[in-house]
N, C-alpha and C. Protein backbone atom coordinates (compact mmCIF):
# COMPACT_ATOMS: atom_id res chain seq x y z
N MET A 1 79.03 159.94 150.64
CA MET A 1 78.64 158.61 150.24
C MET A 1 79.02 158.40 148.77
N ARG A 2 79.52 157.24 148.48
CA ARG A 2 79.95 156.91 147.13
C ARG A 2 78.76 156.63 146.23
N GLY A 3 78.92 156.98 144.95
CA GLY A 3 77.91 156.66 143.95
C GLY A 3 78.11 155.25 143.44
N ALA A 4 77.29 154.87 142.48
CA ALA A 4 77.41 153.55 141.88
C ALA A 4 78.74 153.45 141.13
N ARG A 5 79.41 152.35 141.27
CA ARG A 5 80.69 152.13 140.61
C ARG A 5 80.45 151.80 139.14
N ARG A 6 81.28 152.41 138.27
CA ARG A 6 81.18 152.13 136.84
C ARG A 6 81.58 150.70 136.55
N ARG A 7 80.98 150.15 135.50
CA ARG A 7 81.37 148.82 135.07
C ARG A 7 82.75 148.89 134.44
N ARG A 8 83.57 147.89 134.74
CA ARG A 8 84.92 147.79 134.18
C ARG A 8 84.84 147.00 132.88
N CYS A 9 85.73 147.29 131.96
CA CYS A 9 85.76 146.63 130.65
C CYS A 9 86.71 145.43 130.71
N VAL A 10 86.21 144.27 130.37
CA VAL A 10 86.99 143.04 130.37
C VAL A 10 86.99 142.50 128.94
N GLY A 11 88.16 142.17 128.41
CA GLY A 11 88.30 141.81 127.02
C GLY A 11 88.37 140.32 126.71
N PHE A 12 88.05 139.46 127.67
CA PHE A 12 88.07 138.02 127.38
C PHE A 12 87.23 137.27 128.41
N GLN A 13 86.89 136.04 128.06
CA GLN A 13 86.22 135.13 128.98
C GLN A 13 87.22 134.03 129.33
N PRO A 14 87.51 133.82 130.59
CA PRO A 14 88.47 132.76 130.93
C PRO A 14 87.89 131.38 130.61
N ARG A 15 88.78 130.47 130.24
CA ARG A 15 88.35 129.09 129.94
C ARG A 15 88.09 128.29 131.21
N PHE A 16 88.73 128.68 132.28
CA PHE A 16 88.60 127.97 133.55
C PHE A 16 88.22 128.96 134.63
N LEU A 17 87.40 128.54 135.56
CA LEU A 17 86.95 129.41 136.64
C LEU A 17 87.39 128.92 138.02
N TYR A 18 88.15 127.83 138.06
CA TYR A 18 88.54 127.28 139.35
C TYR A 18 89.89 126.59 139.24
N PHE A 19 90.79 126.90 140.15
CA PHE A 19 92.10 126.27 140.23
C PHE A 19 92.27 125.78 141.66
N GLU A 20 92.78 124.57 141.81
CA GLU A 20 92.98 124.08 143.17
C GLU A 20 94.33 123.37 143.28
N PRO A 21 94.93 123.45 144.45
CA PRO A 21 96.22 122.79 144.65
C PRO A 21 96.04 121.28 144.76
N ARG A 22 97.02 120.58 144.34
CA ARG A 22 97.04 119.12 144.47
C ARG A 22 98.43 118.75 144.99
N GLU A 23 98.48 117.62 145.67
CA GLU A 23 99.79 117.13 146.10
C GLU A 23 99.83 115.64 145.87
N LYS A 24 101.03 115.13 145.72
CA LYS A 24 101.16 113.70 145.50
C LYS A 24 101.00 112.96 146.81
N ALA A 25 100.16 111.97 146.79
CA ALA A 25 99.98 111.10 147.95
C ALA A 25 100.92 109.90 147.79
N LYS A 26 100.99 109.07 148.80
CA LYS A 26 101.80 107.86 148.68
C LYS A 26 101.29 107.04 147.51
N GLY A 27 102.20 106.48 146.77
CA GLY A 27 101.83 105.71 145.59
C GLY A 27 101.77 106.56 144.33
N GLY A 28 102.05 107.86 144.44
CA GLY A 28 102.12 108.72 143.28
C GLY A 28 100.79 109.27 142.80
N GLU A 29 99.67 108.89 143.44
CA GLU A 29 98.38 109.41 142.98
C GLU A 29 98.16 110.82 143.53
N LEU A 30 97.38 111.61 142.81
CA LEU A 30 97.09 112.97 143.23
C LEU A 30 95.86 112.99 144.12
N ARG A 31 95.89 113.87 145.10
CA ARG A 31 94.69 114.06 145.93
C ARG A 31 94.52 115.54 146.20
N ASN A 32 93.29 115.95 146.44
CA ASN A 32 93.00 117.36 146.69
C ASN A 32 93.40 117.76 148.09
N HIS A 33 93.83 119.00 148.23
CA HIS A 33 94.04 119.61 149.53
C HIS A 33 92.67 119.95 150.12
N ASP A 34 92.57 119.97 151.41
CA ASP A 34 91.41 120.58 152.04
C ASP A 34 91.78 122.04 152.23
N ALA A 35 91.39 122.88 151.26
CA ALA A 35 91.85 124.27 151.26
C ALA A 35 90.68 125.22 151.16
N ASN A 36 90.87 126.38 151.74
CA ASN A 36 89.92 127.47 151.55
C ASN A 36 90.12 128.04 150.17
N GLU A 37 89.21 128.90 149.77
CA GLU A 37 89.30 129.52 148.46
C GLU A 37 89.64 131.00 148.57
N LYS A 38 90.32 131.49 147.56
CA LYS A 38 90.49 132.93 147.35
C LYS A 38 89.65 133.27 146.13
N ILE A 39 88.83 134.31 146.24
CA ILE A 39 87.98 134.72 145.14
C ILE A 39 88.69 135.84 144.37
N LEU A 40 88.90 135.62 143.08
CA LEU A 40 89.50 136.60 142.19
C LEU A 40 88.39 137.06 141.25
N ASN A 41 88.02 138.34 141.32
CA ASN A 41 86.92 138.78 140.45
C ASN A 41 87.45 139.04 139.04
N MET A 42 86.53 139.22 138.10
CA MET A 42 86.90 139.34 136.70
C MET A 42 87.77 140.56 136.42
N GLU A 43 87.53 141.67 137.12
CA GLU A 43 88.37 142.86 136.90
C GLU A 43 89.80 142.60 137.35
N GLU A 44 89.97 141.89 138.45
CA GLU A 44 91.30 141.55 138.94
C GLU A 44 92.01 140.62 137.96
N LEU A 45 91.28 139.63 137.45
CA LEU A 45 91.86 138.74 136.45
C LEU A 45 92.26 139.50 135.20
N GLU A 46 91.42 140.43 134.76
CA GLU A 46 91.74 141.24 133.58
C GLU A 46 92.98 142.09 133.84
N SER A 47 93.14 142.63 135.04
CA SER A 47 94.33 143.42 135.34
C SER A 47 95.58 142.55 135.24
N ILE A 48 95.52 141.32 135.71
CA ILE A 48 96.63 140.37 135.60
C ILE A 48 96.92 140.06 134.13
N ARG A 49 95.86 139.82 133.36
CA ARG A 49 96.03 139.49 131.95
C ARG A 49 96.73 140.63 131.20
N LEU A 50 96.25 141.85 131.41
CA LEU A 50 96.81 142.99 130.67
C LEU A 50 98.23 143.32 131.10
N LYS A 51 98.48 143.40 132.39
CA LYS A 51 99.79 143.85 132.89
C LYS A 51 100.83 142.74 132.85
N ASP A 52 100.49 141.56 133.34
CA ASP A 52 101.48 140.49 133.49
C ASP A 52 101.55 139.55 132.28
N TYR A 53 100.44 139.29 131.63
CA TYR A 53 100.43 138.36 130.51
C TYR A 53 100.71 139.08 129.18
N LEU A 54 100.02 140.19 128.93
CA LEU A 54 100.22 140.94 127.69
C LEU A 54 101.32 142.01 127.82
N LEU A 55 101.84 142.19 129.02
CA LEU A 55 102.96 143.11 129.30
C LEU A 55 102.66 144.56 128.94
N MET A 56 101.41 144.98 129.14
CA MET A 56 101.05 146.38 128.91
C MET A 56 101.60 147.22 130.05
N ASP A 57 101.87 148.50 129.76
CA ASP A 57 102.24 149.36 130.87
C ASP A 57 100.96 149.73 131.64
N GLN A 58 101.16 150.20 132.85
CA GLN A 58 100.02 150.42 133.75
C GLN A 58 99.03 151.44 133.21
N ALA A 59 99.52 152.51 132.59
CA ALA A 59 98.63 153.55 132.06
C ALA A 59 97.75 152.99 130.94
N GLU A 60 98.35 152.22 130.05
CA GLU A 60 97.61 151.63 128.94
C GLU A 60 96.58 150.61 129.44
N ALA A 61 96.98 149.79 130.42
CA ALA A 61 96.07 148.78 130.97
C ALA A 61 94.91 149.45 131.71
N ALA A 62 95.19 150.50 132.46
CA ALA A 62 94.13 151.22 133.18
C ALA A 62 93.12 151.80 132.20
N LYS A 63 93.62 152.39 131.14
CA LYS A 63 92.75 152.97 130.12
C LYS A 63 91.89 151.88 129.48
N ARG A 64 92.49 150.74 129.22
CA ARG A 64 91.77 149.62 128.58
C ARG A 64 90.62 149.13 129.46
N ILE A 65 90.84 149.06 130.77
CA ILE A 65 89.79 148.60 131.69
C ILE A 65 88.78 149.71 131.96
N GLY A 66 89.21 150.96 131.82
CA GLY A 66 88.31 152.09 132.06
C GLY A 66 88.37 152.63 133.47
N VAL A 67 89.58 152.59 134.07
CA VAL A 67 89.77 153.10 135.42
C VAL A 67 90.99 154.01 135.44
N SER A 68 91.17 154.73 136.53
CA SER A 68 92.36 155.57 136.70
C SER A 68 93.57 154.68 137.01
N GLN A 69 94.76 155.24 136.87
CA GLN A 69 95.97 154.48 137.19
C GLN A 69 96.02 154.08 138.67
N PRO A 70 95.67 154.98 139.61
CA PRO A 70 95.67 154.55 141.01
C PRO A 70 94.68 153.39 141.28
N THR A 71 93.52 153.46 140.64
CA THR A 71 92.55 152.37 140.81
C THR A 71 93.10 151.08 140.22
N PHE A 72 93.71 151.16 139.05
CA PHE A 72 94.32 149.97 138.44
C PHE A 72 95.39 149.40 139.36
N HIS A 73 96.21 150.27 139.93
CA HIS A 73 97.27 149.81 140.83
C HIS A 73 96.66 149.05 142.02
N ARG A 74 95.59 149.58 142.59
CA ARG A 74 94.92 148.88 143.71
C ARG A 74 94.37 147.53 143.27
N MET A 75 93.78 147.49 142.07
CA MET A 75 93.22 146.23 141.55
C MET A 75 94.29 145.16 141.37
N ILE A 76 95.38 145.53 140.73
CA ILE A 76 96.41 144.52 140.44
C ILE A 76 97.15 144.12 141.70
N THR A 77 97.33 145.06 142.63
CA THR A 77 97.96 144.72 143.91
C THR A 77 97.10 143.72 144.68
N LYS A 78 95.80 143.96 144.69
CA LYS A 78 94.87 143.05 145.36
C LYS A 78 94.89 141.67 144.69
N ALA A 79 94.92 141.64 143.35
CA ALA A 79 94.96 140.36 142.63
C ALA A 79 96.26 139.61 142.92
N HIS A 80 97.39 140.31 142.89
CA HIS A 80 98.68 139.67 143.19
C HIS A 80 98.68 139.09 144.60
N ARG A 81 98.12 139.85 145.54
CA ARG A 81 98.07 139.39 146.94
C ARG A 81 97.24 138.11 147.07
N LYS A 82 96.08 138.08 146.41
CA LYS A 82 95.22 136.89 146.48
C LYS A 82 95.91 135.67 145.87
N ILE A 83 96.57 135.86 144.74
CA ILE A 83 97.26 134.75 144.09
C ILE A 83 98.43 134.26 144.94
N ALA A 84 99.18 135.19 145.51
CA ALA A 84 100.29 134.82 146.38
C ALA A 84 99.80 134.04 147.60
N GLU A 85 98.74 134.51 148.23
CA GLU A 85 98.18 133.79 149.39
C GLU A 85 97.75 132.39 149.00
N ALA A 86 97.09 132.26 147.86
CA ALA A 86 96.63 130.95 147.41
C ALA A 86 97.81 130.01 147.20
N PHE A 87 98.87 130.49 146.54
CA PHE A 87 100.02 129.64 146.28
C PHE A 87 100.75 129.26 147.56
N VAL A 88 100.99 130.23 148.42
CA VAL A 88 101.77 129.97 149.63
C VAL A 88 100.99 129.14 150.64
N GLU A 89 99.71 129.41 150.78
CA GLU A 89 98.89 128.72 151.79
C GLU A 89 98.14 127.51 151.23
N GLY A 90 98.31 127.20 149.96
CA GLY A 90 97.66 126.03 149.38
C GLY A 90 96.16 126.17 149.25
N LYS A 91 95.69 127.37 148.92
CA LYS A 91 94.27 127.62 148.77
C LYS A 91 93.86 127.55 147.30
N ALA A 92 92.61 127.22 147.06
CA ALA A 92 92.07 127.22 145.70
C ALA A 92 91.77 128.65 145.28
N ILE A 93 91.72 128.89 143.97
CA ILE A 93 91.36 130.19 143.43
C ILE A 93 90.08 130.01 142.61
N ARG A 94 89.06 130.77 142.97
CA ARG A 94 87.81 130.77 142.23
C ARG A 94 87.69 132.12 141.53
N ILE A 95 87.37 132.09 140.23
CA ILE A 95 87.19 133.32 139.46
C ILE A 95 85.70 133.54 139.31
N GLU A 96 85.22 134.63 139.92
CA GLU A 96 83.79 134.92 139.84
C GLU A 96 83.52 136.35 140.29
N GLY A 97 82.41 136.86 139.82
CA GLY A 97 81.91 138.13 140.30
C GLY A 97 82.62 139.34 139.74
N GLY A 98 82.20 140.48 140.25
CA GLY A 98 82.75 141.75 139.83
C GLY A 98 81.71 142.60 139.15
N ASN A 99 82.10 143.80 138.81
CA ASN A 99 81.22 144.75 138.14
C ASN A 99 81.86 145.05 136.80
N TYR A 100 81.52 144.28 135.78
CA TYR A 100 82.22 144.36 134.51
C TYR A 100 81.28 144.09 133.34
N GLU A 101 81.77 144.41 132.16
CA GLU A 101 81.10 144.02 130.93
C GLU A 101 82.16 143.50 129.97
N ILE A 102 81.80 142.48 129.20
CA ILE A 102 82.72 141.93 128.21
C ILE A 102 82.70 142.85 127.00
N VAL A 103 83.88 143.28 126.57
CA VAL A 103 84.02 144.16 125.41
C VAL A 103 84.97 143.50 124.42
N GLU A 104 84.96 144.00 123.20
CA GLU A 104 85.87 143.49 122.19
C GLU A 104 87.30 143.79 122.62
N ASP A 105 88.16 142.78 122.53
CA ASP A 105 89.56 142.95 122.91
C ASP A 105 90.28 143.71 121.80
N LYS A 106 90.69 144.92 122.10
CA LYS A 106 91.36 145.76 121.11
C LYS A 106 92.86 145.86 121.38
N THR A 107 93.41 144.88 122.08
CA THR A 107 94.84 144.95 122.40
C THR A 107 95.71 144.64 121.20
N ASN A 108 95.17 143.95 120.20
CA ASN A 108 95.94 143.54 119.02
C ASN A 108 97.22 142.82 119.41
N ALA A 109 97.13 142.07 120.49
CA ALA A 109 98.31 141.36 120.96
C ALA A 109 98.60 140.18 120.04
N PRO A 110 99.86 140.05 119.58
CA PRO A 110 100.19 138.91 118.72
C PRO A 110 100.10 137.62 119.52
N VAL A 111 99.77 136.56 118.83
CA VAL A 111 99.68 135.26 119.47
C VAL A 111 101.08 134.68 119.54
N SER A 112 101.50 134.30 120.73
CA SER A 112 102.83 133.71 120.92
C SER A 112 102.77 132.21 120.69
N PRO A 113 103.88 131.60 120.29
CA PRO A 113 103.91 130.15 120.17
C PRO A 113 103.62 129.51 121.53
N PRO A 114 103.05 128.30 121.54
CA PRO A 114 102.76 127.63 122.81
C PRO A 114 103.99 127.57 123.70
N GLY A 115 103.80 127.90 124.95
CA GLY A 115 104.87 127.84 125.94
C GLY A 115 105.75 129.08 125.99
N MET A 116 105.53 130.04 125.10
CA MET A 116 106.34 131.26 125.08
C MET A 116 105.50 132.43 125.57
N PRO A 117 106.06 133.30 126.40
CA PRO A 117 105.29 134.44 126.90
C PRO A 117 105.07 135.48 125.80
N PRO A 118 104.03 136.31 125.95
CA PRO A 118 103.82 137.37 124.97
C PRO A 118 105.04 138.28 124.91
N GLY A 119 105.38 138.76 123.73
CA GLY A 119 106.52 139.66 123.58
C GLY A 119 107.86 138.97 123.63
N TRP A 120 107.90 137.65 123.50
CA TRP A 120 109.16 136.92 123.67
C TRP A 120 110.19 137.30 122.62
N ARG A 121 109.76 137.72 121.44
CA ARG A 121 110.70 138.12 120.40
C ARG A 121 111.30 139.49 120.68
N GLU A 122 110.54 140.33 121.35
CA GLU A 122 110.98 141.70 121.59
C GLU A 122 112.07 141.78 122.66
N ARG A 123 112.10 140.84 123.55
CA ARG A 123 113.07 140.82 124.65
C ARG A 123 113.10 142.12 125.42
N LYS A 124 111.95 142.67 125.68
CA LYS A 124 111.87 143.94 126.40
C LYS A 124 112.10 143.74 127.89
N ARG A 125 111.69 142.61 128.43
CA ARG A 125 111.81 142.38 129.85
C ARG A 125 113.19 141.87 130.20
N GLY A 126 113.82 142.47 131.21
CA GLY A 126 115.09 141.98 131.72
C GLY A 126 116.29 142.36 130.87
N ARG A 127 116.11 143.19 129.86
CA ARG A 127 117.21 143.59 128.98
C ARG A 127 117.40 145.10 129.09
N GLY A 128 118.50 145.58 128.57
CA GLY A 128 118.68 147.02 128.46
C GLY A 128 119.60 147.62 129.50
N ARG A 129 119.93 146.91 130.54
CA ARG A 129 120.82 147.44 131.56
C ARG A 129 122.19 146.80 131.40
N GLY A 130 122.98 147.38 130.54
CA GLY A 130 124.34 146.88 130.38
C GLY A 130 124.46 145.68 129.45
N THR A 131 123.36 145.23 128.87
CA THR A 131 123.44 144.08 127.94
C THR A 131 122.96 144.47 126.59
């Protein structure tokens, strides 16, 4: 039998907790889809933030959250799957729940200009193979 799961460390509070698809109706006005929701917990959102937004490597991100690399891999895979399902099937995403505590963000990530991804000056992604 498993013991109590340790609390995961999350370094930020999201500004929004709900995202929903919209489509243009006749006349150009927006209307809501009748969609189910996918629940993304705070640890999954933090894994997305660290790996995909701040471009941390998996080992560093796992250490930051306080889990092993295999556990981190399961978390981010689950988060990617939920987001993909929501986008493809037109479902809303609700951010809630989890077993976490808010901690000081020690990533020291530089702030990027609006509209630019983190690390945009470094050009680490997509470079290095023959260019």
